[in-house]
Amino acid sequence: MMIRRAFYSVLFPAAVLLPAWLLVGSAIFGGGAWETLGVLLAGIVLFVALAAIAGIVYARPGVRASKLVSWIDVAVLTVISAAAITLGLNTAASTIASVVLIVAVIGGFWASVWQFFVEARKRVQDAFASFEVPPTTPGAGFRPNEVPAGIRNDGEYIVIETSRDTH
């Protein structure tokens, strides 16, 4: 539970810190000018993607109420963070890390959208279920021979009252 709460608290800061790490890592670990420009553009795309994922995760009412992300969110954000940190180190694994990062961001986005719609569908079904109250018949709760006078059970009917003007 602490892990899920920790990931909830770093949703939006990670959208800023991970792209910033790409730039800092590229500058520290010897990226050239063109590589730094590519990392700058990739950092902007990563920022937008992580902000979108964080926004969709935060939009789920269950996440906001419990302040806990799902285990799917934890797994996706862990893979994204590990790939971004590895990519910022400018090692031989940077190519693999960039492919993993792209796949994880796309998968994380669609996993967030899927979880959002599953939770929304459940909430809508619960709302409709609360409106579906079984109809009660007039005289319900009375034995057939003890129904008070004036109560009729002729099925469903509509009574329309009209007013008559006597001018």
N, C-alpha and C. Protein backbone atom coordinates (compact mmCIF):
# COMPACT_ATOMS: atom_id res chain seq x y z
N MET A 1 0.83 -1.18 0.00
CA MET A 1 0.00 0.00 0.00
C MET A 1 0.87 1.25 0.00
N MET A 2 2.00 1.18 0.69
CA MET A 2 2.89 2.35 0.71
C MET A 2 3.48 2.62 -0.67
N ILE A 3 3.76 1.54 -1.41
CA ILE A 3 4.32 1.70 -2.75
C ILE A 3 3.31 2.37 -3.66
N ARG A 4 2.07 1.91 -3.61
CA ARG A 4 1.03 2.51 -4.45
C ARG A 4 0.78 3.96 -4.08
N ARG A 5 0.83 4.27 -2.79
CA ARG A 5 0.65 5.66 -2.36
C ARG A 5 1.84 6.52 -2.79
N ALA A 6 3.06 5.96 -2.73
CA ALA A 6 4.24 6.71 -3.16
C ALA A 6 4.16 7.02 -4.66
N PHE A 7 3.72 6.06 -5.45
CA PHE A 7 3.58 6.32 -6.89
C PHE A 7 2.49 7.34 -7.16
N TYR A 8 1.44 7.34 -6.34
CA TYR A 8 0.39 8.36 -6.48
C TYR A 8 0.97 9.76 -6.24
N SER A 9 1.84 9.87 -5.25
CA SER A 9 2.37 11.19 -4.91
C SER A 9 3.42 11.69 -5.90
N VAL A 10 4.01 10.80 -6.69
CA VAL A 10 5.02 11.25 -7.66
C VAL A 10 4.52 11.22 -9.11
N LEU A 11 3.23 11.11 -9.30
CA LEU A 11 2.69 11.08 -10.67
C LEU A 11 3.10 12.31 -11.46
N PHE A 12 2.75 13.48 -10.96
CA PHE A 12 3.02 14.71 -11.69
C PHE A 12 4.48 15.16 -11.59
N PRO A 13 5.16 15.02 -10.43
CA PRO A 13 6.58 15.36 -10.42
C PRO A 13 7.41 14.52 -11.38
N ALA A 14 7.04 13.26 -11.59
CA ALA A 14 7.79 12.42 -12.53
C ALA A 14 7.66 12.93 -13.96
N ALA A 15 6.53 13.58 -14.26
CA ALA A 15 6.35 14.13 -15.61
C ALA A 15 7.33 15.26 -15.88
N VAL A 16 7.85 15.89 -14.84
CA VAL A 16 8.83 16.96 -15.00
C VAL A 16 10.25 16.43 -14.80
N LEU A 17 10.43 15.59 -13.79
CA LEU A 17 11.77 15.15 -13.42
C LEU A 17 12.40 14.18 -14.43
N LEU A 18 11.64 13.27 -14.99
CA LEU A 18 12.22 12.31 -15.93
C LEU A 18 12.70 12.98 -17.22
N PRO A 19 11.91 13.88 -17.85
CA PRO A 19 12.47 14.58 -19.02
C PRO A 19 13.66 15.47 -18.66
N ALA A 20 13.61 16.06 -17.47
CA ALA A 20 14.75 16.89 -17.05
C ALA A 20 16.00 16.02 -16.88
N TRP A 21 15.83 14.80 -16.36
CA TRP A 21 16.96 13.89 -16.22
C TRP A 21 17.54 13.54 -17.58
N LEU A 22 16.69 13.37 -18.59
CA LEU A 22 17.21 13.08 -19.93
C LEU A 22 18.16 14.19 -20.40
N LEU A 23 17.77 15.43 -20.16
CA LEU A 23 18.62 16.56 -20.57
C LEU A 23 19.90 16.64 -19.75
N VAL A 24 19.77 16.50 -18.43
CA VAL A 24 20.94 16.57 -17.56
C VAL A 24 21.89 15.41 -17.86
N GLY A 25 21.34 14.20 -18.01
CA GLY A 25 22.17 13.04 -18.31
C GLY A 25 22.87 13.18 -19.64
N SER A 26 22.19 13.74 -20.63
CA SER A 26 22.82 13.94 -21.93
C SER A 26 23.96 14.95 -21.83
N ALA A 27 23.79 15.97 -21.01
CA ALA A 27 24.85 16.98 -20.85
C ALA A 27 26.03 16.42 -20.04
N ILE A 28 25.74 15.66 -18.99
CA ILE A 28 26.81 15.16 -18.12
C ILE A 28 27.58 14.01 -18.77
N PHE A 29 26.88 13.10 -19.38
CA PHE A 29 27.51 11.88 -19.88
C PHE A 29 27.91 11.96 -21.35
N GLY A 30 28.16 13.16 -21.85
CA GLY A 30 28.83 13.33 -23.12
C GLY A 30 27.99 13.23 -24.37
N GLY A 31 26.79 13.71 -24.36
CA GLY A 31 26.01 13.75 -25.58
C GLY A 31 26.47 14.91 -26.45
N GLY A 32 26.49 14.71 -27.75
CA GLY A 32 26.87 15.78 -28.66
C GLY A 32 25.73 16.77 -28.83
N ALA A 33 25.98 17.78 -29.65
CA ALA A 33 24.98 18.84 -29.83
C ALA A 33 23.71 18.30 -30.49
N TRP A 34 23.86 17.50 -31.53
CA TRP A 34 22.68 16.96 -32.21
C TRP A 34 21.95 15.96 -31.32
N GLU A 35 22.72 15.19 -30.57
CA GLU A 35 22.09 14.23 -29.66
C GLU A 35 21.32 14.97 -28.57
N THR A 36 21.88 16.07 -28.07
CA THR A 36 21.19 16.86 -27.05
C THR A 36 19.92 17.48 -27.61
N LEU A 37 19.95 17.91 -28.87
CA LEU A 37 18.74 18.44 -29.50
C LEU A 37 17.68 17.35 -29.61
N GLY A 38 18.10 16.16 -30.00
CA GLY A 38 17.16 15.03 -30.06
C GLY A 38 16.59 14.69 -28.70
N VAL A 39 17.45 14.74 -27.69
CA VAL A 39 16.99 14.46 -26.32
C VAL A 39 16.04 15.55 -25.85
N LEU A 40 16.28 16.79 -26.25
CA LEU A 40 15.37 17.89 -25.89
C LEU A 40 13.98 17.65 -26.47
N LEU A 41 13.94 17.28 -27.74
CA LEU A 41 12.64 17.00 -28.37
C LEU A 41 11.98 15.77 -27.74
N ALA A 42 12.76 14.74 -27.48
CA ALA A 42 12.23 13.54 -26.83
C ALA A 42 11.74 13.86 -25.41
N GLY A 43 12.45 14.76 -24.73
CA GLY A 43 12.03 15.16 -23.39
C GLY A 43 10.69 15.88 -23.39
N ILE A 44 10.47 16.69 -24.40
CA ILE A 44 9.19 17.40 -24.51
C ILE A 44 8.06 16.39 -24.75
N VAL A 45 8.30 15.45 -25.65
CA VAL A 45 7.30 14.41 -25.93
C VAL A 45 7.06 13.56 -24.68
N LEU A 46 8.12 13.21 -23.96
CA LEU A 46 7.98 12.43 -22.74
C LEU A 46 7.21 13.20 -21.68
N PHE A 47 7.46 14.49 -21.57
CA PHE A 47 6.72 15.31 -20.62
C PHE A 47 5.23 15.29 -20.93
N VAL A 48 4.87 15.51 -22.19
CA VAL A 48 3.45 15.52 -22.58
C VAL A 48 2.81 14.15 -22.32
N ALA A 49 3.53 13.08 -22.68
CA ALA A 49 2.98 11.74 -22.49
C ALA A 49 2.80 11.41 -21.01
N LEU A 50 3.79 11.72 -20.19
CA LEU A 50 3.67 11.44 -18.75
C LEU A 50 2.61 12.31 -18.09
N ALA A 51 2.49 13.55 -18.54
CA ALA A 51 1.43 14.42 -17.99
C ALA A 51 0.05 13.88 -18.37
N ALA A 52 -0.08 13.37 -19.59
CA ALA A 52 -1.36 12.79 -20.01
C ALA A 52 -1.68 11.53 -19.21
N ILE A 53 -0.69 10.67 -19.03
CA ILE A 53 -0.90 9.45 -18.24
C ILE A 53 -1.26 9.82 -16.80
N ALA A 54 -0.54 10.76 -16.22
CA ALA A 54 -0.83 11.17 -14.84
C ALA A 54 -2.22 11.78 -14.74
N GLY A 55 -2.60 12.57 -15.73
CA GLY A 55 -3.94 13.17 -15.72
C GLY A 55 -5.04 12.14 -15.81
N ILE A 56 -4.86 11.13 -16.67
CA ILE A 56 -5.87 10.09 -16.80
C ILE A 56 -5.94 9.25 -15.52
N VAL A 57 -4.79 8.93 -14.95
CA VAL A 57 -4.79 8.17 -13.70
C VAL A 57 -5.46 8.97 -12.59
N TYR A 58 -5.15 10.26 -12.51
CA TYR A 58 -5.73 11.10 -11.47
C TYR A 58 -7.22 11.34 -11.70
N ALA A 59 -7.68 11.23 -12.94
CA ALA A 59 -9.09 11.47 -13.25
C ALA A 59 -9.98 10.34 -12.74
N ARG A 60 -9.41 9.20 -12.42
CA ARG A 60 -10.23 8.10 -11.91
C ARG A 60 -10.66 8.41 -10.48
N PRO A 61 -11.97 8.43 -10.22
CA PRO A 61 -12.45 8.76 -8.87
C PRO A 61 -11.94 7.81 -7.79
N GLY A 62 -11.77 6.54 -8.13
CA GLY A 62 -11.26 5.57 -7.15
C GLY A 62 -9.84 5.89 -6.72
N VAL A 63 -9.04 6.39 -7.65
CA VAL A 63 -7.65 6.76 -7.34
C VAL A 63 -7.64 8.01 -6.46
N ARG A 64 -8.46 8.98 -6.79
CA ARG A 64 -8.49 10.21 -5.99
C ARG A 64 -9.02 9.94 -4.59
N ALA A 65 -10.02 9.08 -4.46
CA ALA A 65 -10.60 8.82 -3.14
C ALA A 65 -9.63 8.05 -2.24
N SER A 66 -8.96 7.05 -2.79
CA SER A 66 -8.07 6.23 -1.96
C SER A 66 -6.63 6.73 -1.94
N LYS A 67 -6.29 7.64 -2.86
CA LYS A 67 -4.93 8.14 -3.02
C LYS A 67 -3.94 6.99 -3.26
N LEU A 68 -4.41 5.98 -3.99
CA LEU A 68 -3.60 4.82 -4.36
C LEU A 68 -3.77 4.54 -5.84
N VAL A 69 -2.66 4.33 -6.55
CA VAL A 69 -2.75 3.92 -7.94
C VAL A 69 -2.86 2.40 -7.98
N SER A 70 -3.26 1.85 -9.12
CA SER A 70 -3.37 0.40 -9.24
C SER A 70 -1.98 -0.21 -9.43
N TRP A 71 -1.92 -1.54 -9.30
CA TRP A 71 -0.64 -2.22 -9.49
C TRP A 71 -0.21 -2.16 -10.94
N ILE A 72 -1.17 -2.07 -11.85
CA ILE A 72 -0.81 -1.90 -13.27
C ILE A 72 -0.10 -0.57 -13.47
N ASP A 73 -0.62 0.49 -12.84
CA ASP A 73 0.01 1.80 -12.92
C ASP A 73 1.42 1.77 -12.33
N VAL A 74 1.57 1.08 -11.21
CA VAL A 74 2.89 0.97 -10.58
C VAL A 74 3.87 0.29 -11.53
N ALA A 75 3.45 -0.81 -12.16
CA ALA A 75 4.34 -1.53 -13.07
C ALA A 75 4.72 -0.67 -14.27
N VAL A 76 3.73 0.00 -14.85
CA VAL A 76 4.01 0.83 -16.03
C VAL A 76 4.93 1.99 -15.67
N LEU A 77 4.66 2.66 -14.57
CA LEU A 77 5.49 3.81 -14.18
C LEU A 77 6.90 3.36 -13.78
N THR A 78 7.04 2.16 -13.23
CA THR A 78 8.36 1.64 -12.90
C THR A 78 9.17 1.39 -14.17
N VAL A 79 8.55 0.78 -15.17
CA VAL A 79 9.25 0.52 -16.43
C VAL A 79 9.62 1.83 -17.12
N ILE A 80 8.70 2.78 -17.13
CA ILE A 80 8.98 4.08 -17.76
C ILE A 80 10.13 4.78 -17.05
N SER A 81 10.09 4.78 -15.72
CA SER A 81 11.16 5.45 -14.95
C SER A 81 12.51 4.78 -15.17
N ALA A 82 12.54 3.46 -15.12
CA ALA A 82 13.81 2.74 -15.32
C ALA A 82 14.36 2.98 -16.73
N ALA A 83 13.48 2.97 -17.72
CA ALA A 83 13.95 3.19 -19.09
C ALA A 83 14.44 4.63 -19.28
N ALA A 84 13.75 5.59 -18.68
CA ALA A 84 14.18 6.99 -18.82
C ALA A 84 15.50 7.23 -18.09
N ILE A 85 15.68 6.64 -16.93
CA ILE A 85 16.94 6.82 -16.19
C ILE A 85 18.09 6.16 -16.96
N THR A 86 17.84 4.97 -17.50
CA THR A 86 18.87 4.28 -18.29
C THR A 86 19.21 5.07 -19.55
N LEU A 87 18.20 5.62 -20.17
CA LEU A 87 18.43 6.42 -21.38
C LEU A 87 19.25 7.67 -21.08
N GLY A 88 19.02 8.27 -19.91
CA GLY A 88 19.77 9.46 -19.53
C GLY A 88 21.23 9.19 -19.21
N LEU A 89 21.57 7.93 -18.91
CA LEU A 89 22.95 7.58 -18.59
C LEU A 89 23.84 7.48 -19.82
N ASN A 90 23.26 7.45 -21.00
CA ASN A 90 24.03 7.40 -22.26
C ASN A 90 24.98 6.21 -22.30
N THR A 91 24.45 5.02 -22.06
CA THR A 91 25.27 3.81 -22.08
C THR A 91 25.00 3.03 -23.37
N ALA A 92 25.57 1.85 -23.45
CA ALA A 92 25.34 0.99 -24.61
C ALA A 92 23.90 0.50 -24.67
N ALA A 93 23.24 0.50 -23.52
CA ALA A 93 21.85 0.04 -23.45
C ALA A 93 20.85 1.14 -23.78
N SER A 94 21.34 2.29 -24.21
CA SER A 94 20.43 3.41 -24.49
C SER A 94 19.47 3.13 -25.63
N THR A 95 19.91 2.40 -26.63
CA THR A 95 19.03 2.08 -27.75
C THR A 95 17.88 1.19 -27.29
N ILE A 96 18.21 0.17 -26.53
CA ILE A 96 17.18 -0.72 -26.00
C ILE A 96 16.27 0.05 -25.05
N ALA A 97 16.87 0.91 -24.22
CA ALA A 97 16.08 1.69 -23.28
C ALA A 97 15.11 2.63 -24.00
N SER A 98 15.53 3.19 -25.12
CA SER A 98 14.62 4.09 -25.85
C SER A 98 13.44 3.32 -26.45
N VAL A 99 13.70 2.11 -26.95
CA VAL A 99 12.60 1.28 -27.48
C VAL A 99 11.66 0.87 -26.35
N VAL A 100 12.23 0.45 -25.22
CA VAL A 100 11.41 0.08 -24.06
C VAL A 100 10.60 1.28 -23.58
N LEU A 101 11.21 2.45 -23.57
CA LEU A 101 10.52 3.67 -23.13
C LEU A 101 9.34 3.99 -24.04
N ILE A 102 9.54 3.90 -25.34
CA ILE A 102 8.46 4.20 -26.29
C ILE A 102 7.31 3.21 -26.12
N VAL A 103 7.63 1.93 -26.04
CA VAL A 103 6.60 0.90 -25.89
C VAL A 103 5.89 1.06 -24.54
N ALA A 104 6.63 1.36 -23.48
CA ALA A 104 6.04 1.51 -22.15
C ALA A 104 5.13 2.73 -22.08
N VAL A 105 5.51 3.81 -22.71
CA VAL A 105 4.67 5.02 -22.70
C VAL A 105 3.37 4.77 -23.46
N ILE A 106 3.47 4.15 -24.63
CA ILE A 106 2.25 3.85 -25.40
C ILE A 106 1.37 2.86 -24.64
N GLY A 107 1.98 1.81 -24.11
CA GLY A 107 1.22 0.84 -23.32
C GLY A 107 0.64 1.44 -22.06
N GLY A 108 1.41 2.29 -21.40
CA GLY A 108 0.91 2.95 -20.19
C GLY A 108 -0.25 3.87 -20.45
N PHE A 109 -0.20 4.57 -21.57
CA PHE A 109 -1.32 5.45 -21.93
C PHE A 109 -2.59 4.64 -22.13
N TRP A 110 -2.50 3.56 -22.92
CA TRP A 110 -3.70 2.78 -23.19
C TRP A 110 -4.15 1.99 -21.97
N ALA A 111 -3.24 1.58 -21.11
CA ALA A 111 -3.64 0.92 -19.86
C ALA A 111 -4.39 1.89 -18.96
N SER A 112 -3.94 3.14 -18.93
CA SER A 112 -4.63 4.16 -18.12
C SER A 112 -6.03 4.45 -18.67
N VAL A 113 -6.12 4.55 -19.99
CA VAL A 113 -7.43 4.79 -20.62
C VAL A 113 -8.36 3.62 -20.35
N TRP A 114 -7.85 2.39 -20.48
CA TRP A 114 -8.66 1.21 -20.25
C TRP A 114 -9.17 1.17 -18.81
N GLN A 115 -8.29 1.43 -17.83
CA GLN A 115 -8.71 1.43 -16.43
C GLN A 115 -9.73 2.53 -16.15
N PHE A 116 -9.55 3.67 -16.80
CA PHE A 116 -10.49 4.77 -16.62
C PHE A 116 -11.88 4.37 -17.10
N PHE A 117 -11.96 3.76 -18.28
CA PHE A 117 -13.27 3.37 -18.82
C PHE A 117 -13.89 2.21 -18.04
N VAL A 118 -13.08 1.29 -17.55
CA VAL A 118 -13.62 0.20 -16.72
C VAL A 118 -14.23 0.77 -15.45
N GLU A 119 -13.53 1.69 -14.81
CA GLU A 119 -14.07 2.29 -13.58
C GLU A 119 -15.29 3.16 -13.87
N ALA A 120 -15.27 3.88 -14.98
CA ALA A 120 -16.43 4.71 -15.34
C ALA A 120 -17.63 3.83 -15.64
N ARG A 121 -17.41 2.72 -16.36
CA ARG A 121 -18.52 1.82 -16.67
C ARG A 121 -19.13 1.25 -15.39
N LYS A 122 -18.29 0.87 -14.43
CA LYS A 122 -18.79 0.33 -13.17
C LYS A 122 -19.61 1.38 -12.41
N ARG A 123 -19.14 2.61 -12.41
CA ARG A 123 -19.87 3.67 -11.70
C ARG A 123 -21.21 3.96 -12.37
N VAL A 124 -21.24 3.93 -13.70
CA VAL A 124 -22.51 4.17 -14.42
C VAL A 124 -23.47 3.01 -14.16
N GLN A 125 -22.97 1.78 -14.19
CA GLN A 125 -23.84 0.63 -13.90
C GLN A 125 -24.39 0.70 -12.49
N ASP A 126 -23.58 1.12 -11.53
CA ASP A 126 -24.06 1.27 -10.16
C ASP A 126 -25.12 2.36 -10.07
N ALA A 127 -24.93 3.44 -10.81
CA ALA A 127 -25.92 4.52 -10.79
C ALA A 127 -27.25 4.05 -11.38
N PHE A 128 -27.18 3.32 -12.51
CA PHE A 128 -28.42 2.82 -13.10
C PHE A 128 -29.08 1.77 -12.23
N ALA A 129 -28.29 0.97 -11.55
CA ALA A 129 -28.85 -0.05 -10.67
C ALA A 129 -29.59 0.59 -9.49
N SER A 130 -29.13 1.75 -9.06
CA SER A 130 -29.83 2.40 -7.94
C SER A 130 -31.18 2.97 -8.37
N PHE A 131 -31.35 3.22 -9.69
CA PHE A 131 -32.64 3.71 -10.18
C PHE A 131 -33.62 2.58 -10.44
N GLU A 132 -33.13 1.38 -10.60
CA GLU A 132 -33.98 0.25 -10.92
C GLU A 132 -34.54 -0.36 -9.64
N VAL A 133 -35.57 0.26 -9.11
CA VAL A 133 -36.22 -0.23 -7.91
C VAL A 133 -37.40 -1.09 -8.36
N PRO A 134 -37.54 -2.27 -7.81
CA PRO A 134 -38.65 -3.11 -8.25
C PRO A 134 -39.99 -2.43 -7.92
N PRO A 135 -40.93 -2.44 -8.86
CA PRO A 135 -42.21 -1.77 -8.62
C PRO A 135 -43.02 -2.50 -7.57
N THR A 136 -43.69 -1.74 -6.77
CA THR A 136 -44.58 -2.32 -5.76
C THR A 136 -46.01 -2.15 -6.24
N THR A 137 -46.79 -3.14 -5.97
CA THR A 137 -48.20 -3.07 -6.38
C THR A 137 -49.01 -2.42 -5.28
N PRO A 138 -50.09 -1.75 -5.63
CA PRO A 138 -50.94 -1.17 -4.59
C PRO A 138 -51.44 -2.28 -3.68
N GLY A 139 -51.42 -2.01 -2.41
CA GLY A 139 -51.86 -3.00 -1.44
C GLY A 139 -50.78 -3.98 -1.06
N ALA A 140 -49.52 -3.71 -1.48
CA ALA A 140 -48.44 -4.61 -1.14
C ALA A 140 -48.26 -4.62 0.37
N GLY A 141 -48.03 -5.77 0.90
CA GLY A 141 -47.85 -5.90 2.33
C GLY A 141 -49.12 -6.31 3.05
N PHE A 142 -50.25 -6.31 2.33
CA PHE A 142 -51.52 -6.75 2.90
C PHE A 142 -51.88 -8.11 2.33
N ARG A 143 -52.59 -8.90 3.11
CA ARG A 143 -53.12 -10.15 2.58
C ARG A 143 -54.24 -9.81 1.61
N PRO A 144 -54.51 -10.68 0.64
CA PRO A 144 -55.51 -10.34 -0.38
C PRO A 144 -56.88 -9.98 0.18
N ASN A 145 -57.30 -10.58 1.26
CA ASN A 145 -58.63 -10.26 1.79
C ASN A 145 -58.59 -9.09 2.77
N GLU A 146 -57.40 -8.53 3.07
CA GLU A 146 -57.29 -7.44 4.01
C GLU A 146 -56.89 -6.12 3.35
N VAL A 147 -56.97 -6.01 2.05
CA VAL A 147 -56.60 -4.78 1.35
C VAL A 147 -57.60 -3.71 1.72
N PRO A 148 -57.15 -2.53 2.20
CA PRO A 148 -58.10 -1.48 2.58
C PRO A 148 -58.97 -1.05 1.40
N ALA A 149 -60.11 -0.54 1.72
CA ALA A 149 -61.05 -0.09 0.69
C ALA A 149 -60.44 1.10 -0.06
N GLY A 150 -60.68 1.17 -1.33
CA GLY A 150 -60.20 2.27 -2.14
C GLY A 150 -58.89 1.98 -2.84
N ILE A 151 -58.20 0.90 -2.47
CA ILE A 151 -56.95 0.55 -3.14
C ILE A 151 -57.28 -0.50 -4.19
N ARG A 152 -56.91 -0.20 -5.43
CA ARG A 152 -57.20 -1.11 -6.52
C ARG A 152 -55.89 -1.59 -7.13
N ASN A 153 -55.90 -2.78 -7.61
CA ASN A 153 -54.75 -3.31 -8.30
C ASN A 153 -55.18 -3.72 -9.71
N ASP A 154 -55.28 -2.72 -10.58
CA ASP A 154 -55.68 -2.96 -11.96
C ASP A 154 -54.47 -2.95 -12.89
N GLY A 155 -53.29 -3.03 -12.35
CA GLY A 155 -52.08 -2.92 -13.17
C GLY A 155 -51.65 -1.47 -13.21
N GLU A 156 -50.83 -1.15 -14.17
CA GLU A 156 -50.36 0.23 -14.28
C GLU A 156 -51.38 1.07 -15.03
N TYR A 157 -51.60 2.26 -14.54
CA TYR A 157 -52.48 3.18 -15.24
C TYR A 157 -52.05 4.60 -14.90
N ILE A 158 -52.45 5.53 -15.73
CA ILE A 158 -52.11 6.93 -15.56
C ILE A 158 -53.38 7.71 -15.31
N VAL A 159 -53.35 8.55 -14.30
CA VAL A 159 -54.49 9.40 -13.99
C VAL A 159 -54.16 10.80 -14.45
N ILE A 160 -55.02 11.35 -15.31
CA ILE A 160 -54.82 12.71 -15.79
C ILE A 160 -55.97 13.55 -15.25
N GLU A 161 -55.59 14.50 -14.43
CA GLU A 161 -56.62 15.38 -13.87
C GLU A 161 -56.67 16.63 -14.70
N THR A 162 -57.86 17.04 -15.06
CA THR A 162 -58.04 18.27 -15.82
C THR A 162 -58.87 19.23 -15.00
N SER A 163 -58.62 20.47 -15.23
CA SER A 163 -59.43 21.47 -14.51
C SER A 163 -60.46 22.02 -15.50
N ARG A 164 -61.64 22.23 -15.01
CA ARG A 164 -62.70 22.76 -15.85
C ARG A 164 -63.00 24.18 -15.43
N ASP A 165 -62.90 25.03 -16.38
CA ASP A 165 -63.22 26.44 -16.09
C ASP A 165 -64.72 26.64 -16.27
N THR A 166 -65.31 27.31 -15.34
CA THR A 166 -66.76 27.58 -15.42
C THR A 166 -66.99 29.05 -15.65
N HIS A 167 -66.57 29.56 -16.72
CA HIS A 167 -66.75 30.99 -17.03
C HIS A 167 -68.02 31.21 -17.74
